[in-house]
Amino acid sequence: MRKRGLVRVADEVWVATALLHREHPAEQDFTVAEIVERAEKEDILGGGKLRPGVYVHIRQQCVANRPPNPGRYRMLLETNGGRRRLFREGDAYHPARRNAKTHPDRYHLPEKYLPLLEWYQREYAPAKGRPAVVDPILGLRGLGKEIWVGEEPDAYVRRLRKDWE
């Protein structure tokens, strides 16, 4: 059984951003003001007032590529000019946000938003067909490992150094 009171502020931000993506598929990202306005319009909890934490969640706490302060979510990605979009698999994120929540738990969302969550998991979030955004230094990890396949690394280095003297 779902209860409306269980909708977290971060989930409300995710819903507003996901709705914008669905309503404007040609847009890659949105301004903070557009997301705030969409959250106000959606009024997930009813009552006609936006919760105070929505703005700070959009600016900082849900943004994967910003240092956590204090929220650790990875629901949004800051793009050019301070704009935001939903986080996708393969996006770069701040290391302290590793394993953080990327989308709402289906049991904490009102039932009418479940198709939105299914769309995100099936179509939007997967990295298929998109190159992963990788830190250029970390992208070098494993480069050249085929050189010593089947050989212990220390033995490989000893073999290279044997003729140095």
C-alpha atoms as a PDB file:
ATOM      1  CA  MET A   1       0.000   0.000   0.000  1.00  0.00           C
ATOM      2  CA  ARG A   2       1.399   3.363  -1.019  1.00  0.00           C
ATOM      3  CA  LYS A   3       0.992   6.443   1.129  1.00  0.00           C
ATOM      4  CA  ARG A   4       1.378   9.914  -0.334  1.00  0.00           C
ATOM      5  CA  GLY A   5       3.212  11.107   2.740  1.00  0.00           C
ATOM      6  CA  LEU A   6       6.100   8.773   1.937  1.00  0.00           C
ATOM      7  CA  VAL A   7       7.105  10.724  -1.190  1.00  0.00           C
ATOM      8  CA  ARG A   8      10.531  12.120  -0.413  1.00  0.00           C
ATOM      9  CA  VAL A   9      11.618  15.545  -1.619  1.00  0.00           C
ATOM     10  CA  ALA A  10      14.291  13.929  -3.819  1.00  0.00           C
ATOM     11  CA  ASP A  11      11.616  11.713  -5.393  1.00  0.00           C
ATOM     12  CA  GLU A  12       9.440  14.764  -6.015  1.00  0.00           C
ATOM     13  CA  VAL A  13      12.374  16.414  -7.823  1.00  0.00           C
ATOM     14  CA  TRP A  14      12.936  13.255  -9.881  1.00  0.00           C
ATOM     15  CA  VAL A  15       9.246  13.076 -10.861  1.00  0.00           C
ATOM     16  CA  ALA A  16       9.167  16.737 -11.940  1.00  0.00           C
ATOM     17  CA  THR A  17      12.312  16.294 -14.042  1.00  0.00           C
ATOM     18  CA  ALA A  18      11.103  13.017 -15.569  1.00  0.00           C
ATOM     19  CA  LEU A  19       7.783  14.641 -16.474  1.00  0.00           C
ATOM     20  CA  LEU A  20       9.650  17.447 -18.229  1.00  0.00           C
ATOM     21  CA  HIS A  21      11.666  14.890 -20.214  1.00  0.00           C
ATOM     22  CA  ARG A  22       8.472  13.097 -21.257  1.00  0.00           C
ATOM     23  CA  GLU A  23       6.608  16.314 -22.096  1.00  0.00           C
ATOM     24  CA  HIS A  24       9.549  17.839 -24.015  1.00  0.00           C
ATOM     25  CA  PRO A  25      11.436  14.909 -25.597  1.00  0.00           C
ATOM     26  CA  ALA A  26      13.450  17.214 -27.881  1.00  0.00           C
ATOM     27  CA  GLU A  27      14.991  18.977 -24.865  1.00  0.00           C
ATOM     28  CA  GLN A  28      18.178  17.489 -23.434  1.00  0.00           C
ATOM     29  CA  ASP A  29      18.085  19.342 -20.111  1.00  0.00           C
ATOM     30  CA  PHE A  30      16.176  21.951 -18.125  1.00  0.00           C
ATOM     31  CA  THR A  31      16.851  25.000 -15.985  1.00  0.00           C
ATOM     32  CA  VAL A  32      16.481  24.825 -12.227  1.00  0.00           C
ATOM     33  CA  ALA A  33      13.539  27.241 -12.536  1.00  0.00           C
ATOM     34  CA  GLU A  34      11.779  24.963 -15.050  1.00  0.00           C
ATOM     35  CA  ILE A  35      12.092  21.986 -12.711  1.00  0.00           C
ATOM     36  CA  VAL A  36      10.856  24.029  -9.734  1.00  0.00           C
ATOM     37  CA  GLU A  37       7.898  25.262 -11.791  1.00  0.00           C
ATOM     38  CA  ARG A  38       7.041  21.709 -12.902  1.00  0.00           C
ATOM     39  CA  ALA A  39       7.216  20.455  -9.307  1.00  0.00           C
ATOM     40  CA  GLU A  40       4.855  23.268  -8.243  1.00  0.00           C
ATOM     41  CA  LYS A  41       2.458  22.431 -11.059  1.00  0.00           C
ATOM     42  CA  GLU A  42       2.480  18.700 -10.252  1.00  0.00           C
ATOM     43  CA  ASP A  43       1.833  19.305  -6.537  1.00  0.00           C
ATOM     44  CA  ILE A  44       2.529  15.661  -5.663  1.00  0.00           C
ATOM     45  CA  LEU A  45       1.469  15.933  -2.033  1.00  0.00           C
ATOM     46  CA  GLY A  46      -1.482  18.229  -2.658  1.00  0.00           C
ATOM     47  CA  GLY A  47      -1.999  21.379  -0.669  1.00  0.00           C
ATOM     48  CA  GLY A  48      -0.812  23.735  -3.396  1.00  0.00           C
ATOM     49  CA  LYS A  49       2.544  24.572  -1.802  1.00  0.00           C
ATOM     50  CA  LEU A  50       5.994  23.515  -2.872  1.00  0.00           C
ATOM     51  CA  ARG A  51       7.997  21.961  -0.073  1.00  0.00           C
ATOM     52  CA  PRO A  52      10.938  24.112   1.065  1.00  0.00           C
ATOM     53  CA  GLY A  53      13.583  21.476   0.253  1.00  0.00           C
ATOM     54  CA  VAL A  54      12.714  21.096  -3.437  1.00  0.00           C
ATOM     55  CA  TYR A  55      14.903  23.971  -4.640  1.00  0.00           C
ATOM     56  CA  VAL A  56      18.013  22.888  -2.712  1.00  0.00           C
ATOM     57  CA  HIS A  57      17.557  19.297  -3.894  1.00  0.00           C
ATOM     58  CA  ILE A  58      17.495  20.499  -7.519  1.00  0.00           C
ATOM     59  CA  ARG A  59      20.501  22.788  -7.011  1.00  0.00           C
ATOM     60  CA  GLN A  60      22.700  20.461  -4.946  1.00  0.00           C
ATOM     61  CA  GLN A  61      21.458  17.383  -3.132  1.00  0.00           C
ATOM     62  CA  CYS A  62      20.224  15.372  -6.144  1.00  0.00           C
ATOM     63  CA  VAL A  63      23.055  16.393  -8.501  1.00  0.00           C
ATOM     64  CA  ALA A  64      25.387  13.469  -9.191  1.00  0.00           C
ATOM     65  CA  ASN A  65      28.380  15.470 -10.389  1.00  0.00           C
ATOM     66  CA  ARG A  66      28.505  17.830  -7.391  1.00  0.00           C
ATOM     67  CA  PRO A  67      30.031  17.065  -3.992  1.00  0.00           C
ATOM     68  CA  PRO A  68      27.381  15.761  -1.573  1.00  0.00           C
ATOM     69  CA  ASN A  69      26.154  18.452   0.797  1.00  0.00           C
ATOM     70  CA  PRO A  70      24.587  16.597   2.640  1.00  0.00           C
ATOM     71  CA  GLY A  71      22.396  14.635   0.180  1.00  0.00           C
ATOM     72  CA  ARG A  72      24.103  11.826  -1.732  1.00  0.00           C
ATOM     73  CA  TYR A  73      21.547  11.215  -4.472  1.00  0.00           C
ATOM     74  CA  ARG A  74      22.475  10.691  -8.138  1.00  0.00           C
ATOM     75  CA  MET A  75      19.089  11.582  -9.599  1.00  0.00           C
ATOM     76  CA  LEU A  76      20.133  14.583 -11.694  1.00  0.00           C
ATOM     77  CA  LEU A  77      23.173  15.591 -13.698  1.00  0.00           C
ATOM     78  CA  GLU A  78      24.349  19.185 -13.999  1.00  0.00           C
ATOM     79  CA  THR A  79      24.967  19.973 -17.661  1.00  0.00           C
ATOM     80  CA  ASN A  80      26.160  23.139 -19.399  1.00  0.00           C
ATOM     81  CA  GLY A  81      25.193  26.434 -17.871  1.00  0.00           C
ATOM     82  CA  GLY A  82      23.846  24.961 -14.648  1.00  0.00           C
ATOM     83  CA  ARG A  83      21.037  23.080 -16.372  1.00  0.00           C
ATOM     84  CA  ARG A  84      19.850  19.656 -15.184  1.00  0.00           C
ATOM     85  CA  ARG A  85      18.713  16.357 -16.647  1.00  0.00           C
ATOM     86  CA  LEU A  86      17.973  12.934 -15.219  1.00  0.00           C
ATOM     87  CA  PHE A  87      20.998  10.796 -14.366  1.00  0.00           C
ATOM     88  CA  ARG A  88      21.798   7.932 -16.753  1.00  0.00           C
ATOM     89  CA  GLU A  89      23.985   4.870 -16.425  1.00  0.00           C
ATOM     90  CA  GLY A  90      27.480   5.798 -17.567  1.00  0.00           C
ATOM     91  CA  ASP A  91      27.269   9.443 -16.460  1.00  0.00           C
ATOM     92  CA  ALA A  92      30.192  10.813 -14.481  1.00  0.00           C
ATOM     93  CA  TYR A  93      29.475  11.447 -10.807  1.00  0.00           C
ATOM     94  CA  HIS A  94      31.271  12.638  -7.692  1.00  0.00           C
ATOM     95  CA  PRO A  95      33.069   9.664  -6.063  1.00  0.00           C
ATOM     96  CA  ALA A  96      31.342  10.259  -2.714  1.00  0.00           C
ATOM     97  CA  ARG A  97      28.001   9.590  -4.432  1.00  0.00           C
ATOM     98  CA  ARG A  98      28.936   6.079  -5.526  1.00  0.00           C
ATOM     99  CA  ASN A  99      26.058   3.593  -5.062  1.00  0.00           C
ATOM    100  CA  ALA A 100      23.665   6.449  -4.291  1.00  0.00           C
ATOM    101  CA  LYS A 101      19.990   6.375  -5.230  1.00  0.00           C
ATOM    102  CA  THR A 102      19.326   7.246  -8.914  1.00  0.00           C
ATOM    103  CA  HIS A 103      15.533   7.006  -8.994  1.00  0.00           C
ATOM    104  CA  PRO A 104      12.612   6.618  -6.585  1.00  0.00           C
ATOM    105  CA  ASP A 105      11.708   3.330  -4.966  1.00  0.00           C
ATOM    106  CA  ARG A 106       8.507   2.176  -6.641  1.00  0.00           C
ATOM    107  CA  TYR A 107       6.862   1.639  -3.240  1.00  0.00           C
ATOM    108  CA  HIS A 108       7.390   5.279  -2.289  1.00  0.00           C
ATOM    109  CA  LEU A 109       5.755   6.683  -5.420  1.00  0.00           C
ATOM    110  CA  PRO A 110       2.049   7.275  -5.942  1.00  0.00           C
ATOM    111  CA  GLU A 111       0.719   4.681  -8.373  1.00  0.00           C
ATOM    112  CA  LYS A 112       0.083   7.195 -11.136  1.00  0.00           C
ATOM    113  CA  TYR A 113       3.864   7.747 -11.481  1.00  0.00           C
ATOM    114  CA  LEU A 114       4.808   4.081 -11.888  1.00  0.00           C
ATOM    115  CA  PRO A 115       4.675   4.267 -15.719  1.00  0.00           C
ATOM    116  CA  LEU A 116       7.154   7.143 -15.489  1.00  0.00           C
ATOM    117  CA  LEU A 117       9.518   4.981 -13.450  1.00  0.00           C
ATOM    118  CA  GLU A 118       9.123   2.113 -15.938  1.00  0.00           C
ATOM    119  CA  TRP A 119       9.895   4.488 -18.848  1.00  0.00           C
ATOM    120  CA  TYR A 120      13.032   5.667 -17.057  1.00  0.00           C
ATOM    121  CA  GLN A 121      14.325   2.165 -16.336  1.00  0.00           C
ATOM    122  CA  ARG A 122      13.452   0.750 -19.754  1.00  0.00           C
ATOM    123  CA  GLU A 123      14.194   3.629 -22.135  1.00  0.00           C
ATOM    124  CA  TYR A 124      15.944   6.598 -20.581  1.00  0.00           C
ATOM    125  CA  ALA A 125      18.501   5.364 -18.058  1.00  0.00           C
ATOM    126  CA  PRO A 126      20.275   2.484 -19.846  1.00  0.00           C
ATOM    127  CA  ALA A 127      23.629   3.403 -21.379  1.00  0.00           C
ATOM    128  CA  LYS A 128      23.043   1.309 -24.514  1.00  0.00           C
ATOM    129  CA  GLY A 129      24.201   3.056 -27.656  1.00  0.00           C
ATOM    130  CA  ARG A 130      25.704   5.980 -25.759  1.00  0.00           C
ATOM    131  CA  PRO A 131      29.362   6.261 -24.940  1.00  0.00           C
ATOM    132  CA  ALA A 132      29.954   6.375 -21.215  1.00  0.00           C
ATOM    133  CA  VAL A 133      31.315   9.631 -19.857  1.00  0.00           C
ATOM    134  CA  VAL A 134      34.603   8.527 -18.344  1.00  0.00           C
ATOM    135  CA  ASP A 135      37.268  10.447 -16.515  1.00  0.00           C
ATOM    136  CA  PRO A 136      40.167  10.545 -19.031  1.00  0.00           C
ATOM    137  CA  ILE A 137      42.722   9.340 -16.479  1.00  0.00           C
ATOM    138  CA  LEU A 138      40.508   6.549 -15.144  1.00  0.00           C
ATOM    139  CA  GLY A 139      39.755   5.605 -18.750  1.00  0.00           C
ATOM    140  CA  LEU A 140      43.379   4.434 -19.068  1.00  0.00           C
ATOM    141  CA  ARG A 141      42.802   1.712 -16.471  1.00  0.00           C
ATOM    142  CA  GLY A 142      43.641  -1.687 -17.983  1.00  0.00           C
ATOM    143  CA  LEU A 143      45.321  -0.219 -21.066  1.00  0.00           C
ATOM    144  CA  GLY A 144      48.059  -2.555 -22.308  1.00  0.00           C
ATOM    145  CA  LYS A 145      47.079  -5.512 -20.128  1.00  0.00           C
ATOM    146  CA  GLU A 146      47.201  -7.783 -23.182  1.00  0.00           C
ATOM    147  CA  ILE A 147      51.016  -7.354 -23.193  1.00  0.00           C
ATOM    148  CA  TRP A 148      51.466  -9.681 -20.212  1.00  0.00           C
ATOM    149  CA  VAL A 149      48.494 -12.030 -20.615  1.00  0.00           C
ATOM    150  CA  GLY A 150      49.375 -15.340 -18.969  1.00  0.00           C
ATOM    151  CA  GLU A 151      52.410 -13.862 -17.214  1.00  0.00           C
ATOM    152  CA  GLU A 152      52.666 -12.597 -13.664  1.00  0.00           C
ATOM    153  CA  PRO A 153      53.258  -8.805 -13.584  1.00  0.00           C
ATOM    154  CA  ASP A 154      56.447  -9.125 -11.495  1.00  0.00           C
ATOM    155  CA  ALA A 155      57.864 -11.745 -13.874  1.00  0.00           C
ATOM    156  CA  TYR A 156      57.031  -9.494 -16.817  1.00  0.00           C
ATOM    157  CA  VAL A 157      58.915  -6.551 -15.276  1.00  0.00           C
ATOM    158  CA  ARG A 158      61.912  -8.785 -14.394  1.00  0.00           C
ATOM    159  CA  ARG A 159      62.007 -10.049 -17.996  1.00  0.00           C
ATOM    160  CA  LEU A 160      62.020  -6.486 -19.340  1.00  0.00           C
ATOM    161  CA  ARG A 161      64.795  -5.407 -16.967  1.00  0.00           C
ATOM    162  CA  LYS A 162      67.127  -8.417 -17.386  1.00  0.00           C
ATOM    163  CA  ASP A 163      69.156  -6.785 -20.198  1.00  0.00           C
ATOM    164  CA  TRP A 164      69.447  -3.354 -18.579  1.00  0.00           C
ATOM    165  CA  GLU A 165      72.923  -3.860 -17.151  1.00  0.00           C
END
